[in-house]
């Protein structure tokens, strides 16, 4: 069974799990904790592609096309990951062809996410992008994140995101509390997110 082929690894907050451009033949599955999946420009600017939570997998592109890692991943909390080598995954897919349909759906979902990110960066201002990120938070609050991470998710700078958060707070749309952002008025955020 597949579980026996998976290796369990622990990564402390801040540790780089994989680097963009490096060779890799491992699929990662998040068991606990959160990570950021991101790309870095030649000038060192970071664009977060998505936050990874328990149940998410990543690095599937490198595993299937045998190319380099398309993005970097870093633990933003202490994480437990399961690693699956390419050869074990390919054997599993060959033995259970129906798994290929699930993998194809995953790739299609990732493509939709990438296209939505391109659309957001091209056509929405920072406040709209930030409102959308906050709406995607769980339990009425965005995940505990720094303004620097929010800026990397929104494709902006920390100072600009800080001003946008202050404006959202003053409007009553959110409440800021020690590194956590509580959504107070979803309707206002929804209106801003789709402007």
N, C-alpha and C. Protein backbone atom coordinates (compact mmCIF):
# COMPACT_ATOMS: atom_id res chain seq x y z
N UNK A 1 0.84 -1.19 0.00
CA UNK A 1 0.00 0.00 0.00
C UNK A 1 0.88 1.24 0.00
N UNK A 2 0.30 2.35 -0.39
CA UNK A 2 1.03 3.60 -0.55
C UNK A 2 1.59 4.14 0.76
N UNK A 3 0.84 3.98 1.86
CA UNK A 3 1.28 4.51 3.15
C UNK A 3 2.65 4.01 3.56
N UNK A 4 2.97 2.76 3.25
CA UNK A 4 4.26 2.21 3.61
C UNK A 4 5.41 2.82 2.84
N UNK A 5 5.11 3.43 1.70
CA UNK A 5 6.16 4.05 0.88
C UNK A 5 6.41 5.50 1.27
N UNK A 6 5.55 6.07 2.11
CA UNK A 6 5.68 7.48 2.47
C UNK A 6 6.61 7.65 3.66
N UNK A 7 7.47 8.65 3.56
CA UNK A 7 8.40 8.97 4.63
C UNK A 7 7.87 10.19 5.38
N UNK A 8 7.94 10.15 6.70
CA UNK A 8 7.46 11.25 7.52
C UNK A 8 8.64 12.12 7.92
N UNK A 9 8.49 13.45 7.75
CA UNK A 9 9.54 14.40 8.10
C UNK A 9 8.95 15.58 8.85
N UNK A 10 9.72 16.10 9.79
CA UNK A 10 9.33 17.29 10.56
C UNK A 10 10.18 18.46 10.08
N UNK A 11 9.55 19.64 9.96
CA UNK A 11 10.24 20.85 9.55
C UNK A 11 9.86 21.98 10.51
N UNK A 12 10.84 22.63 11.14
CA UNK A 12 10.51 23.74 12.03
C UNK A 12 10.08 24.98 11.25
N UNK A 13 9.34 25.86 11.89
CA UNK A 13 8.93 27.12 11.26
C UNK A 13 10.17 27.84 10.72
N UNK A 14 10.05 28.35 9.51
CA UNK A 14 11.15 29.09 8.88
C UNK A 14 12.03 28.24 7.98
N UNK A 15 11.99 26.93 8.10
CA UNK A 15 12.87 26.08 7.30
C UNK A 15 12.36 25.99 5.85
N UNK A 16 13.30 26.08 4.92
CA UNK A 16 13.00 25.89 3.50
C UNK A 16 12.87 24.38 3.27
N UNK A 17 11.76 23.98 2.67
CA UNK A 17 11.53 22.57 2.39
C UNK A 17 12.06 22.21 1.01
N UNK A 18 11.82 23.08 0.04
CA UNK A 18 12.39 22.87 -1.29
C UNK A 18 12.63 24.21 -1.95
N UNK A 19 13.58 24.24 -2.87
CA UNK A 19 13.97 25.46 -3.56
C UNK A 19 13.57 25.41 -5.03
N UNK A 20 13.04 26.52 -5.50
CA UNK A 20 12.70 26.67 -6.91
C UNK A 20 13.95 26.41 -7.75
N UNK A 21 13.79 25.63 -8.79
CA UNK A 21 14.89 25.36 -9.72
C UNK A 21 15.74 24.16 -9.36
N UNK A 22 15.64 23.67 -8.14
CA UNK A 22 16.43 22.50 -7.74
C UNK A 22 15.78 21.23 -8.28
N UNK A 23 16.58 20.20 -8.44
CA UNK A 23 16.05 18.91 -8.89
C UNK A 23 15.32 18.25 -7.73
N UNK A 24 14.23 17.59 -8.05
CA UNK A 24 13.48 16.88 -7.01
C UNK A 24 12.63 15.80 -7.64
N UNK A 25 12.47 14.72 -6.92
CA UNK A 25 11.60 13.65 -7.38
C UNK A 25 10.67 13.21 -6.26
N UNK A 26 10.28 14.20 -5.43
CA UNK A 26 9.48 13.90 -4.25
C UNK A 26 8.19 14.72 -4.25
N UNK A 27 7.08 14.05 -3.98
CA UNK A 27 5.79 14.69 -3.76
C UNK A 27 5.63 14.86 -2.25
N UNK A 28 5.15 16.03 -1.83
CA UNK A 28 4.97 16.32 -0.41
C UNK A 28 3.48 16.40 -0.10
N UNK A 29 3.09 15.86 1.05
CA UNK A 29 1.73 15.96 1.55
C UNK A 29 1.81 16.53 2.96
N UNK A 30 1.05 17.61 3.20
CA UNK A 30 1.07 18.27 4.51
C UNK A 30 0.18 17.49 5.48
N UNK A 31 0.79 17.03 6.57
CA UNK A 31 0.03 16.34 7.61
C UNK A 31 -0.36 17.32 8.72
N UNK A 32 0.53 18.24 9.07
CA UNK A 32 0.26 19.24 10.11
C UNK A 32 1.07 20.49 9.83
N UNK A 33 0.54 21.64 10.24
CA UNK A 33 1.24 22.91 10.06
C UNK A 33 0.89 23.58 8.75
N UNK A 34 1.53 24.72 8.51
CA UNK A 34 1.31 25.48 7.28
C UNK A 34 2.64 25.86 6.64
N UNK A 35 2.61 25.95 5.31
CA UNK A 35 3.77 26.36 4.53
C UNK A 35 3.32 27.39 3.52
N UNK A 36 4.29 28.11 2.97
CA UNK A 36 3.99 28.97 1.83
C UNK A 36 4.71 28.42 0.62
N UNK A 37 4.02 28.44 -0.50
CA UNK A 37 4.58 28.05 -1.79
C UNK A 37 4.78 29.35 -2.54
N UNK A 38 6.00 29.63 -3.00
CA UNK A 38 6.28 30.95 -3.56
C UNK A 38 7.35 30.90 -4.64
N UNK A 39 7.36 31.99 -5.42
CA UNK A 39 8.40 32.21 -6.42
C UNK A 39 9.16 33.47 -6.01
N UNK A 40 10.42 33.54 -6.39
CA UNK A 40 11.25 34.68 -6.05
C UNK A 40 11.84 35.27 -7.33
N UNK A 41 11.76 36.61 -7.45
CA UNK A 41 12.33 37.28 -8.62
C UNK A 41 13.84 37.35 -8.49
N UNK A 42 14.52 37.74 -9.56
CA UNK A 42 15.98 37.87 -9.53
C UNK A 42 16.41 38.96 -8.56
N UNK A 43 15.51 39.88 -8.24
CA UNK A 43 15.81 40.95 -7.27
C UNK A 43 15.41 40.58 -5.84
N UNK A 44 14.92 39.34 -5.67
CA UNK A 44 14.59 38.87 -4.33
C UNK A 44 13.16 39.14 -3.89
N UNK A 45 12.33 39.66 -4.77
CA UNK A 45 10.93 39.90 -4.42
C UNK A 45 10.17 38.58 -4.47
N UNK A 46 9.31 38.40 -3.50
CA UNK A 46 8.60 37.14 -3.34
C UNK A 46 7.13 37.28 -3.74
N UNK A 47 6.61 36.27 -4.44
CA UNK A 47 5.18 36.20 -4.74
C UNK A 47 4.68 34.86 -4.21
N UNK A 48 3.83 34.92 -3.20
CA UNK A 48 3.26 33.70 -2.64
C UNK A 48 2.18 33.20 -3.60
N UNK A 49 2.30 31.95 -4.00
CA UNK A 49 1.32 31.34 -4.90
C UNK A 49 0.13 30.82 -4.12
N UNK A 50 0.41 30.21 -2.96
CA UNK A 50 -0.67 29.76 -2.09
C UNK A 50 -0.10 29.32 -0.75
N UNK A 51 -0.97 29.33 0.24
CA UNK A 51 -0.61 28.77 1.54
C UNK A 51 -1.04 27.32 1.55
N UNK A 52 -0.19 26.49 2.09
CA UNK A 52 -0.45 25.05 2.15
C UNK A 52 -0.85 24.67 3.56
N UNK A 53 -1.92 23.90 3.67
CA UNK A 53 -2.48 23.47 4.95
C UNK A 53 -2.54 21.95 5.00
N UNK A 54 -2.86 21.39 6.16
CA UNK A 54 -2.99 19.93 6.24
C UNK A 54 -3.93 19.38 5.17
N UNK A 55 -3.47 18.32 4.51
CA UNK A 55 -4.22 17.70 3.43
C UNK A 55 -3.76 18.14 2.05
N UNK A 56 -3.07 19.27 1.96
CA UNK A 56 -2.57 19.75 0.67
C UNK A 56 -1.33 18.97 0.25
N UNK A 57 -1.14 18.85 -1.06
CA UNK A 57 0.10 18.27 -1.58
C UNK A 57 0.77 19.32 -2.46
N UNK A 58 2.07 19.16 -2.64
CA UNK A 58 2.79 20.09 -3.50
C UNK A 58 4.01 19.42 -4.11
N UNK A 59 4.51 20.06 -5.13
CA UNK A 59 5.63 19.62 -5.96
C UNK A 59 5.24 18.52 -6.94
N UNK A 60 3.95 18.41 -7.24
CA UNK A 60 3.49 17.41 -8.19
C UNK A 60 4.00 17.67 -9.61
N UNK A 61 4.20 18.93 -9.98
CA UNK A 61 4.69 19.23 -11.33
C UNK A 61 6.07 18.61 -11.53
N UNK A 62 6.98 18.84 -10.60
CA UNK A 62 8.34 18.29 -10.73
C UNK A 62 8.33 16.76 -10.72
N UNK A 63 7.43 16.19 -9.96
CA UNK A 63 7.35 14.73 -9.89
C UNK A 63 6.90 14.15 -11.23
N UNK A 64 5.92 14.80 -11.86
CA UNK A 64 5.38 14.23 -13.10
C UNK A 64 6.17 14.62 -14.34
N UNK A 65 6.71 15.85 -14.41
CA UNK A 65 7.45 16.19 -15.64
C UNK A 65 8.96 15.98 -15.51
N UNK A 66 9.40 15.56 -14.32
CA UNK A 66 10.82 15.28 -14.04
C UNK A 66 11.71 16.49 -14.25
N UNK A 67 11.12 17.68 -14.20
CA UNK A 67 11.89 18.91 -14.29
C UNK A 67 12.22 19.44 -12.90
N UNK A 68 12.80 20.63 -12.84
CA UNK A 68 13.13 21.21 -11.54
C UNK A 68 11.88 21.68 -10.80
N UNK A 69 12.04 21.93 -9.51
CA UNK A 69 10.94 22.45 -8.71
C UNK A 69 10.47 23.78 -9.32
N UNK A 70 9.18 23.95 -9.58
CA UNK A 70 8.69 25.19 -10.17
C UNK A 70 8.57 26.32 -9.16
N UNK A 71 8.64 26.03 -7.86
CA UNK A 71 8.50 27.05 -6.82
C UNK A 71 9.25 26.56 -5.58
N UNK A 72 9.41 27.48 -4.64
CA UNK A 72 10.01 27.14 -3.35
C UNK A 72 8.89 26.92 -2.34
N UNK A 73 9.21 26.20 -1.27
CA UNK A 73 8.26 26.00 -0.18
C UNK A 73 9.01 26.21 1.13
N UNK A 74 8.36 26.94 2.05
CA UNK A 74 8.95 27.22 3.35
C UNK A 74 7.90 27.03 4.43
N UNK A 75 8.29 26.40 5.52
CA UNK A 75 7.38 26.22 6.65
C UNK A 75 7.15 27.58 7.31
N UNK A 76 5.89 27.93 7.53
CA UNK A 76 5.61 29.15 8.30
C UNK A 76 5.15 28.80 9.71
N UNK A 77 4.97 27.54 9.96
CA UNK A 77 4.73 26.97 11.29
C UNK A 77 5.50 25.66 11.33
N UNK A 78 5.69 25.10 12.50
CA UNK A 78 6.26 23.76 12.58
C UNK A 78 5.36 22.83 11.76
N UNK A 79 5.96 22.01 10.91
CA UNK A 79 5.19 21.18 9.98
C UNK A 79 5.60 19.71 10.06
N UNK A 80 4.62 18.87 9.79
CA UNK A 80 4.87 17.45 9.57
C UNK A 80 4.43 17.16 8.15
N UNK A 81 5.34 16.62 7.36
CA UNK A 81 5.06 16.31 5.96
C UNK A 81 5.31 14.84 5.70
N UNK A 82 4.56 14.30 4.75
CA UNK A 82 4.82 12.97 4.22
C UNK A 82 5.42 13.14 2.84
N UNK A 83 6.49 12.42 2.57
CA UNK A 83 7.19 12.49 1.30
C UNK A 83 6.98 11.19 0.54
N UNK A 84 6.71 11.31 -0.74
CA UNK A 84 6.50 10.14 -1.59
C UNK A 84 7.40 10.29 -2.83
N UNK A 85 8.26 9.33 -3.03
CA UNK A 85 9.17 9.37 -4.18
C UNK A 85 8.42 9.10 -5.48
N UNK A 86 8.93 9.67 -6.56
CA UNK A 86 8.32 9.54 -7.89
C UNK A 86 8.08 8.08 -8.25
N UNK A 87 9.07 7.25 -8.07
CA UNK A 87 8.94 5.85 -8.50
C UNK A 87 7.80 5.15 -7.77
N UNK A 88 7.61 5.45 -6.47
CA UNK A 88 6.52 4.84 -5.71
C UNK A 88 5.16 5.37 -6.17
N UNK A 89 5.08 6.67 -6.44
CA UNK A 89 3.83 7.25 -6.92
C UNK A 89 3.48 6.69 -8.29
N UNK A 90 4.45 6.60 -9.19
CA UNK A 90 4.19 6.09 -10.54
C UNK A 90 3.73 4.63 -10.50
N UNK A 91 4.33 3.86 -9.62
CA UNK A 91 3.91 2.46 -9.48
C UNK A 91 2.46 2.40 -8.98
N UNK A 92 2.14 3.24 -8.01
CA UNK A 92 0.79 3.28 -7.46
C UNK A 92 -0.23 3.69 -8.52
N UNK A 93 0.09 4.70 -9.32
CA UNK A 93 -0.81 5.16 -10.40
C UNK A 93 -0.98 4.06 -11.44
N UNK A 94 0.11 3.36 -11.77
CA UNK A 94 0.02 2.28 -12.77
C UNK A 94 -0.86 1.14 -12.28
N UNK A 95 -0.83 0.86 -10.98
CA UNK A 95 -1.63 -0.22 -10.41
C UNK A 95 -3.10 0.18 -10.25
N UNK A 96 -3.36 1.50 -10.15
CA UNK A 96 -4.73 2.01 -9.94
C UNK A 96 -4.98 3.18 -10.90
N UNK A 97 -5.31 2.87 -12.14
CA UNK A 97 -5.47 3.93 -13.16
C UNK A 97 -6.49 5.01 -12.79
N UNK A 98 -7.47 4.70 -11.96
CA UNK A 98 -8.45 5.71 -11.55
C UNK A 98 -7.81 6.87 -10.80
N UNK A 99 -6.66 6.63 -10.19
CA UNK A 99 -5.93 7.68 -9.47
C UNK A 99 -5.51 8.77 -10.45
N UNK A 100 -5.24 8.40 -11.71
CA UNK A 100 -4.83 9.38 -12.71
C UNK A 100 -5.91 10.45 -12.91
N UNK A 101 -7.17 10.07 -12.79
CA UNK A 101 -8.26 11.05 -12.94
C UNK A 101 -8.19 12.06 -11.80
N UNK A 102 -7.96 11.60 -10.59
CA UNK A 102 -7.83 12.50 -9.45
C UNK A 102 -6.64 13.43 -9.61
N UNK A 103 -5.55 12.92 -10.11
CA UNK A 103 -4.36 13.75 -10.32
C UNK A 103 -4.63 14.78 -11.41
N UNK A 104 -5.32 14.38 -12.46
CA UNK A 104 -5.68 15.32 -13.53
C UNK A 104 -6.56 16.44 -12.99
N UNK A 105 -7.50 16.10 -12.12
CA UNK A 105 -8.36 17.12 -11.50
C UNK A 105 -7.52 18.09 -10.66
N UNK A 106 -6.54 17.55 -9.94
CA UNK A 106 -5.67 18.41 -9.14
C UNK A 106 -4.91 19.38 -10.03
N UNK A 107 -4.36 18.89 -11.13
CA UNK A 107 -3.65 19.78 -12.06
C UNK A 107 -4.59 20.84 -12.64
N UNK A 108 -5.82 20.46 -12.97
CA UNK A 108 -6.79 21.41 -13.51
C UNK A 108 -7.12 22.48 -12.47
N UNK A 109 -7.28 22.08 -11.20
CA UNK A 109 -7.56 23.04 -10.13
C UNK A 109 -6.39 24.00 -9.95
N UNK A 110 -5.17 23.47 -10.00
CA UNK A 110 -3.98 24.31 -9.86
C UNK A 110 -3.88 25.32 -11.02
N UNK A 111 -4.24 24.88 -12.23
CA UNK A 111 -4.22 25.79 -13.37
C UNK A 111 -5.24 26.91 -13.17
N UNK A 112 -6.43 26.57 -12.69
CA UNK A 112 -7.44 27.59 -12.41
C UNK A 112 -6.93 28.59 -11.36
N UNK A 113 -6.29 28.07 -10.31
CA UNK A 113 -5.74 28.94 -9.27
C UNK A 113 -4.67 29.87 -9.84
N UNK A 114 -3.81 29.34 -10.70
CA UNK A 114 -2.77 30.17 -11.31
C UNK A 114 -3.37 31.26 -12.20
N UNK A 115 -4.39 30.90 -12.97
CA UNK A 115 -5.05 31.89 -13.82
C UNK A 115 -5.75 32.95 -12.99
N UNK A 116 -6.36 32.56 -11.88
CA UNK A 116 -7.01 33.53 -10.99
C UNK A 116 -5.98 34.47 -10.39
N UNK A 117 -4.80 33.96 -10.03
CA UNK A 117 -3.75 34.80 -9.48
C UNK A 117 -3.27 35.81 -10.53
N UNK A 118 -3.08 35.35 -11.76
CA UNK A 118 -2.68 36.27 -12.83
C UNK A 118 -3.73 37.36 -13.01
N UNK A 119 -5.01 36.96 -13.03
CA UNK A 119 -6.09 37.94 -13.17
C UNK A 119 -6.07 38.95 -12.02
N UNK A 120 -5.92 38.46 -10.80
CA UNK A 120 -5.89 39.35 -9.64
C UNK A 120 -4.74 40.35 -9.74
N UNK A 121 -3.55 39.87 -10.07
CA UNK A 121 -2.39 40.74 -10.14
C UNK A 121 -2.50 41.76 -11.27
N UNK A 122 -3.14 41.36 -12.35
CA UNK A 122 -3.25 42.25 -13.51
C UNK A 122 -4.39 43.25 -13.39
N UNK A 123 -5.51 42.84 -12.78
CA UNK A 123 -6.71 43.66 -12.88
C UNK A 123 -7.26 44.20 -11.56
N UNK A 124 -6.76 43.76 -10.43
CA UNK A 124 -7.29 44.24 -9.15
C UNK A 124 -6.23 45.08 -8.42
N UNK A 125 -6.70 46.07 -7.68
CA UNK A 125 -5.75 46.85 -6.88
C UNK A 125 -5.44 46.09 -5.59
N UNK A 126 -4.50 46.62 -4.81
CA UNK A 126 -4.03 45.92 -3.61
C UNK A 126 -5.16 45.71 -2.62
N UNK A 127 -6.01 46.71 -2.42
CA UNK A 127 -7.11 46.56 -1.46
C UNK A 127 -8.06 45.45 -1.89
N UNK A 128 -8.36 45.36 -3.17
CA UNK A 128 -9.23 44.29 -3.67
C UNK A 128 -8.58 42.92 -3.47
N UNK A 129 -7.28 42.83 -3.77
CA UNK A 129 -6.58 41.55 -3.59
C UNK A 129 -6.53 41.17 -2.11
N UNK A 130 -6.29 42.15 -1.25
CA UNK A 130 -6.24 41.89 0.18
C UNK A 130 -7.62 41.46 0.70
N UNK A 131 -8.68 42.11 0.24
CA UNK A 131 -10.04 41.71 0.65
C UNK A 131 -10.31 40.26 0.26
N UNK A 132 -9.89 39.88 -0.93
CA UNK A 132 -10.10 38.50 -1.39
C UNK A 132 -9.33 37.52 -0.53
N UNK A 133 -8.10 37.84 -0.19
CA UNK A 133 -7.27 36.98 0.67
C UNK A 133 -7.94 36.82 2.04
N UNK A 134 -8.43 37.91 2.60
CA UNK A 134 -9.07 37.86 3.91
C UNK A 134 -10.35 37.04 3.88
N UNK A 135 -11.10 37.14 2.80
CA UNK A 135 -12.33 36.35 2.67
C UNK A 135 -12.05 34.86 2.60
N UNK A 136 -10.88 34.50 2.10
CA UNK A 136 -10.52 33.10 1.98
C UNK A 136 -10.04 32.51 3.30
N UNK A 137 -9.92 33.36 4.35
CA UNK A 137 -9.52 32.89 5.68
C UNK A 137 -10.58 31.97 6.25
N UNK A 138 -10.21 31.23 7.27
CA UNK A 138 -11.12 30.26 7.88
C UNK A 138 -11.67 30.79 9.19
N UNK A 139 -12.86 30.34 9.55
CA UNK A 139 -13.50 30.66 10.83
C UNK A 139 -13.66 32.15 11.06
N UNK A 140 -13.92 32.90 9.99
CA UNK A 140 -14.16 34.34 10.14
C UNK A 140 -12.92 35.16 10.35
N UNK A 141 -11.75 34.55 10.31
CA UNK A 141 -10.50 35.28 10.48
C UNK A 141 -9.47 34.74 9.52
N UNK A 142 -8.63 35.63 9.02
CA UNK A 142 -7.54 35.18 8.16
C UNK A 142 -6.56 34.39 9.02
N UNK A 143 -5.82 33.47 8.43
CA UNK A 143 -4.81 32.75 9.21
C UNK A 143 -3.84 33.76 9.82
N UNK A 144 -3.25 33.40 10.95
CA UNK A 144 -2.26 34.28 11.60
C UNK A 144 -1.10 34.46 10.63
N UNK A 145 -0.98 35.67 10.11
CA UNK A 145 0.07 35.96 9.13
C UNK A 145 0.66 37.32 9.42
N UNK A 146 1.88 37.52 8.96
CA UNK A 146 2.52 38.82 9.09
C UNK A 146 2.10 39.70 7.91
N UNK A 147 2.30 41.01 8.07
CA UNK A 147 2.02 41.92 6.96
C UNK A 147 2.95 41.63 5.79
N UNK A 148 4.14 41.17 6.08
CA UNK A 148 5.08 40.81 5.02
C UNK A 148 4.55 39.65 4.18
N UNK A 149 3.99 38.63 4.86
CA UNK A 149 3.42 37.49 4.14
C UNK A 149 2.18 37.92 3.36
N UNK A 150 1.32 38.74 3.96
CA UNK A 150 0.15 39.25 3.24
C UNK A 150 0.58 40.02 1.99
N UNK A 151 1.64 40.81 2.12
CA UNK A 151 2.14 41.57 0.97
C UNK A 151 2.61 40.62 -0.13
N UNK A 152 3.30 39.56 0.24
CA UNK A 152 3.78 38.60 -0.76
C UNK A 152 2.61 37.86 -1.40
N UNK A 153 1.54 37.64 -0.65
CA UNK A 153 0.36 37.00 -1.21
C UNK A 153 -0.38 37.95 -2.14
N UNK A 154 -0.40 39.24 -1.79
CA UNK A 154 -1.13 40.23 -2.58
C UNK A 154 -0.29 40.83 -3.71
N UNK A 155 0.97 40.43 -3.82
CA UNK A 155 1.83 40.96 -4.87
C UNK A 155 2.14 42.43 -4.66
N UNK A 156 2.41 42.81 -3.41
CA UNK A 156 2.64 44.22 -3.08
C UNK A 156 3.76 44.33 -2.07
N UNK A 157 3.87 45.52 -1.46
CA UNK A 157 4.86 45.74 -0.42
C UNK A 157 4.17 45.81 0.93
N UNK A 158 4.91 45.53 1.98
CA UNK A 158 4.36 45.51 3.33
C UNK A 158 3.72 46.84 3.70
N UNK A 159 4.37 47.96 3.34
CA UNK A 159 3.85 49.28 3.70
C UNK A 159 2.50 49.55 3.05
N UNK A 160 2.34 49.14 1.80
CA UNK A 160 1.08 49.34 1.07
C UNK A 160 -0.01 48.49 1.70
N UNK A 161 0.31 47.25 2.05
CA UNK A 161 -0.66 46.37 2.70
C UNK A 161 -1.03 46.92 4.07
N UNK A 162 -0.06 47.46 4.79
CA UNK A 162 -0.34 48.06 6.09
C UNK A 162 -1.34 49.20 5.99
N UNK A 163 -1.18 50.04 4.98
CA UNK A 163 -2.14 51.14 4.78
C UNK A 163 -3.51 50.61 4.40
N UNK A 164 -3.55 49.58 3.55
CA UNK A 164 -4.84 49.00 3.14
C UNK A 164 -5.54 48.35 4.34
N UNK A 165 -4.78 47.67 5.20
CA UNK A 165 -5.37 47.07 6.40
C UNK A 165 -5.93 48.13 7.33
N UNK A 166 -5.19 49.22 7.48
CA UNK A 166 -5.66 50.31 8.34
C UNK A 166 -6.96 50.89 7.80
N UNK A 167 -7.04 51.07 6.49
CA UNK A 167 -8.26 51.60 5.88
C UNK A 167 -9.42 50.61 6.05
N UNK A 168 -9.16 49.32 5.90
CA UNK A 168 -10.20 48.32 6.09
C UNK A 168 -10.67 48.30 7.55
N UNK A 169 -9.75 48.50 8.47
CA UNK A 169 -10.10 48.55 9.89
C UNK A 169 -10.95 49.78 10.19
N UNK A 170 -10.55 50.92 9.66
CA UNK A 170 -11.30 52.15 9.90
C UNK A 170 -12.70 52.10 9.30
N UNK A 171 -12.86 51.34 8.21
CA UNK A 171 -14.17 51.21 7.58
C UNK A 171 -15.07 50.23 8.33
N UNK A 172 -14.50 49.48 9.29
CA UNK A 172 -15.26 48.50 10.03
C UNK A 172 -15.32 47.13 9.38
N UNK A 173 -14.64 46.95 8.25
CA UNK A 173 -14.66 45.66 7.55
C UNK A 173 -13.87 44.59 8.30
N UNK A 174 -12.80 45.01 8.99
CA UNK A 174 -11.97 44.06 9.75
C UNK A 174 -11.62 44.66 11.10
N UNK A 175 -11.19 43.79 12.01
CA UNK A 175 -10.65 44.22 13.30
C UNK A 175 -9.26 43.62 13.40
N UNK A 176 -8.26 44.45 13.68
CA UNK A 176 -6.88 44.01 13.79
C UNK A 176 -6.57 43.70 15.24
N UNK A 177 -5.94 42.54 15.45
CA UNK A 177 -5.64 42.12 16.82
C UNK A 177 -4.36 41.29 16.84
N UNK A 178 -3.27 41.87 17.27
CA UNK A 178 -1.98 41.18 17.47
C UNK A 178 -1.69 40.08 16.45
N UNK A 179 -1.47 40.45 15.23
CA UNK A 179 -1.09 39.49 14.20
C UNK A 179 -2.25 38.70 13.62
N UNK A 180 -3.47 38.99 14.05
CA UNK A 180 -4.63 38.30 13.50
C UNK A 180 -5.61 39.34 12.99
N UNK A 181 -6.28 39.01 11.92
CA UNK A 181 -7.23 39.92 11.30
C UNK A 181 -8.59 39.24 11.33
N UNK A 182 -9.52 39.85 12.03
CA UNK A 182 -10.87 39.30 12.15
C UNK A 182 -11.78 40.00 11.15
N UNK A 183 -12.50 39.23 10.37
CA UNK A 183 -13.45 39.79 9.42
C UNK A 183 -14.70 40.18 10.20
N UNK A 184 -15.08 41.46 10.10
CA UNK A 184 -16.26 41.96 10.81
C UNK A 184 -17.44 42.17 9.86
N UNK A 185 -17.15 42.56 8.63
CA UNK A 185 -18.22 42.84 7.67
C UNK A 185 -17.87 42.20 6.33
N UNK A 186 -18.33 40.96 6.15
CA UNK A 186 -18.03 40.21 4.92
C UNK A 186 -18.56 40.92 3.69
N UNK A 187 -19.72 41.57 3.81
CA UNK A 187 -20.33 42.23 2.65
C UNK A 187 -19.42 43.31 2.09
N UNK A 188 -18.80 44.07 2.98
CA UNK A 188 -17.87 45.12 2.52
C UNK A 188 -16.67 44.48 1.83
N UNK A 189 -16.11 43.43 2.44
CA UNK A 189 -14.96 42.76 1.82
C UNK A 189 -15.33 42.14 0.48
N UNK A 190 -16.50 41.52 0.40
CA UNK A 190 -16.94 40.93 -0.87
C UNK A 190 -17.08 41.99 -1.95
N UNK A 191 -17.61 43.13 -1.59
CA UNK A 191 -17.75 44.21 -2.58
C UNK A 191 -16.37 44.67 -3.07
N UNK A 192 -15.43 44.82 -2.13
CA UNK A 192 -14.07 45.24 -2.50
C UNK A 192 -13.34 44.16 -3.30
N UNK A 193 -13.54 42.91 -2.93
CA UNK A 193 -12.82 41.81 -3.59
C UNK A 193 -13.19 41.67 -5.05
N UNK A 194 -14.38 42.04 -5.42
CA UNK A 194 -14.82 41.85 -6.81
C UNK A 194 -14.93 43.15 -7.58
N UNK A 195 -14.26 44.20 -7.09
CA UNK A 195 -14.26 45.47 -7.82
C UNK A 195 -13.39 45.38 -9.06
